C-alpha atoms as a PDB file:
ATOM      1  CA  MET A   1     -63.623  18.238  56.791  1.00  0.00           C
ATOM      2  CA  ASP A   2     -65.101  17.087  60.061  1.00  0.00           C
ATOM      3  CA  SER A   3     -63.636  14.782  62.698  1.00  0.00           C
ATOM      4  CA  SER A   4     -65.277  11.627  61.306  1.00  0.00           C
ATOM      5  CA  GLN A   5     -63.912  12.388  57.838  1.00  0.00           C
ATOM      6  CA  CYS A   6     -60.455  12.824  59.337  1.00  0.00           C
ATOM      7  CA  ARG A   7     -60.644   9.409  61.010  1.00  0.00           C
ATOM      8  CA  ALA A   8     -62.003   7.824  57.821  1.00  0.00           C
ATOM      9  CA  ALA A   9     -59.306   9.391  55.638  1.00  0.00           C
ATOM     10  CA  ARG A  10     -56.603   8.097  57.956  1.00  0.00           C
ATOM     11  CA  ALA A  11     -58.155   4.636  57.871  1.00  0.00           C
ATOM     12  CA  LEU A  12     -58.310   4.721  54.080  1.00  0.00           C
ATOM     13  CA  LEU A  13     -54.601   5.551  53.947  1.00  0.00           C
ATOM     14  CA  LYS A  14     -53.737   3.225  56.854  1.00  0.00           C
ATOM     15  CA  TRP A  15     -52.088   6.143  58.670  1.00  0.00           C
ATOM     16  CA  THR A  16     -51.785   6.534  62.417  1.00  0.00           C
ATOM     17  CA  GLN A  17     -52.400   9.883  64.081  1.00  0.00           C
ATOM     18  CA  ASP A  18     -48.617  10.227  64.346  1.00  0.00           C
ATOM     19  CA  ASP A  19     -48.244   9.559  60.601  1.00  0.00           C
ATOM     20  CA  LEU A  20     -50.730  12.331  59.864  1.00  0.00           C
ATOM     21  CA  ALA A  21     -48.984  14.688  62.278  1.00  0.00           C
ATOM     22  CA  ILE A  22     -45.624  14.133  60.598  1.00  0.00           C
ATOM     23  CA  LYS A  23     -46.985  14.443  57.063  1.00  0.00           C
ATOM     24  CA  SER A  24     -49.167  17.509  57.746  1.00  0.00           C
ATOM     25  CA  GLY A  25     -47.007  19.385  60.238  1.00  0.00           C
ATOM     26  CA  ALA A  26     -49.877  19.519  62.742  1.00  0.00           C
ATOM     27  CA  SER A  27     -49.240  18.274  66.254  1.00  0.00           C
ATOM     28  CA  ALA A  28     -50.397  14.802  67.227  1.00  0.00           C
ATOM     29  CA  VAL A  29     -52.274  16.364  70.154  1.00  0.00           C
ATOM     30  CA  THR A  30     -54.189  18.654  67.772  1.00  0.00           C
ATOM     31  CA  ILE A  31     -55.163  15.692  65.605  1.00  0.00           C
ATOM     32  CA  ARG A  32     -56.135  13.548  68.591  1.00  0.00           C
ATOM     33  CA  ASN A  33     -58.276  16.340  70.094  1.00  0.00           C
ATOM     34  CA  PHE A  34     -59.940  17.004  66.743  1.00  0.00           C
ATOM     35  CA  GLU A  35     -60.755  13.361  66.078  1.00  0.00           C
ATOM     36  CA  ASN A  36     -62.102  12.934  69.620  1.00  0.00           C
ATOM     37  CA  GLU A  37     -64.181  16.109  69.180  1.00  0.00           C
ATOM     38  CA  ARG A  38     -62.521  17.835  72.122  1.00  0.00           C
ATOM     39  CA  SER A  39     -61.489  20.878  70.072  1.00  0.00           C
ATOM     40  CA  ALA A  40     -61.335  22.106  66.490  1.00  0.00           C
ATOM     41  CA  PRO A  41     -58.018  23.060  64.894  1.00  0.00           C
ATOM     42  CA  GLN A  42     -57.462  26.567  63.629  1.00  0.00           C
ATOM     43  CA  LYS A  43     -58.592  27.085  60.032  1.00  0.00           C
ATOM     44  CA  GLY A  44     -55.031  27.073  58.709  1.00  0.00           C
ATOM     45  CA  THR A  45     -54.218  23.810  60.446  1.00  0.00           C
ATOM     46  CA  LEU A  46     -57.432  22.210  59.244  1.00  0.00           C
ATOM     47  CA  PHE A  47     -56.584  23.318  55.701  1.00  0.00           C
ATOM     48  CA  LEU A  48     -53.113  21.724  55.943  1.00  0.00           C
ATOM     49  CA  ILE A  49     -54.528  18.449  57.259  1.00  0.00           C
ATOM     50  CA  GLN A  50     -57.134  18.258  54.503  1.00  0.00           C
ATOM     51  CA  LYS A  51     -54.564  19.171  51.820  1.00  0.00           C
ATOM     52  CA  THR A  52     -52.270  16.432  53.115  1.00  0.00           C
ATOM     53  CA  PHE A  53     -55.058  13.907  52.648  1.00  0.00           C
ATOM     54  CA  GLU A  54     -55.986  15.251  49.209  1.00  0.00           C
ATOM     55  CA  ASP A  55     -52.336  15.141  48.078  1.00  0.00           C
ATOM     56  CA  ALA A  56     -52.309  11.470  49.151  1.00  0.00           C
ATOM     57  CA  GLY A  57     -55.302  10.715  46.904  1.00  0.00           C
ATOM     58  CA  VAL A  58     -58.293  11.148  49.223  1.00  0.00           C
ATOM     59  CA  GLU A  59     -61.413  12.969  48.065  1.00  0.00           C
ATOM     60  CA  PHE A  60     -63.827  14.512  50.551  1.00  0.00           C
ATOM     61  CA  ILE A  61     -67.547  14.072  49.965  1.00  0.00           C
ATOM     62  CA  SER A  62     -69.733  16.849  51.317  1.00  0.00           C
ATOM     63  CA  GLU A  63     -73.047  16.410  53.063  1.00  0.00           C
ATOM     64  CA  ASN A  64     -75.575  16.068  50.258  1.00  0.00           C
ATOM     65  CA  GLY A  65     -78.426  14.191  51.812  1.00  0.00           C
ATOM     66  CA  GLY A  66     -76.480  10.942  51.875  1.00  0.00           C
ATOM     67  CA  GLY A  67     -73.917  11.938  54.472  1.00  0.00           C
ATOM     68  CA  SER A  68     -70.400  13.250  54.312  1.00  0.00           C
ATOM     69  CA  GLY A  69     -67.486  10.911  53.783  1.00  0.00           C
ATOM     70  CA  VAL A  70     -64.221  10.170  52.000  1.00  0.00           C
ATOM     71  CA  ARG A  71     -63.164   8.055  49.056  1.00  0.00           C
ATOM     72  CA  TRP A  72     -60.242   7.592  46.700  1.00  0.00           C
ATOM     73  CA  LYS A  73     -59.972  10.154  43.918  1.00  0.00           C
ATOM     74  CA  LYS A  74     -60.838   8.518  40.613  1.00  0.00           C
ATOM     75  CA  GLU A  75     -57.422   9.026  39.072  1.00  0.00           C
ATOM     76  CA  THR A  76     -55.515   7.977  42.206  1.00  0.00           C
ATOM     77  CA  ARG A  77     -55.630   4.901  44.338  1.00  0.00           C
ATOM     78  CA  LYS A  78     -52.873   4.539  46.893  1.00  0.00           C
ATOM     79  CA  PRO A  79     -52.806   1.879  49.605  1.00  0.00           C
END
């Protein structure tokens, strides 16, 4: 997951940075710095943030010539 995917996943879920911080256990400062490309979280923190999104129904699309991104998992669609 990169910073643009993090922002897109939050937008898909209509979560604020504070919402993500509460749900993932990461600090709001860590999320803000990551999304603004000031610093990268530690691998464990990045894993927790991505897992939080995936548990909420977000699927991450890897770079495959068409660009990385996010979308709803097929079996799950949560507003």
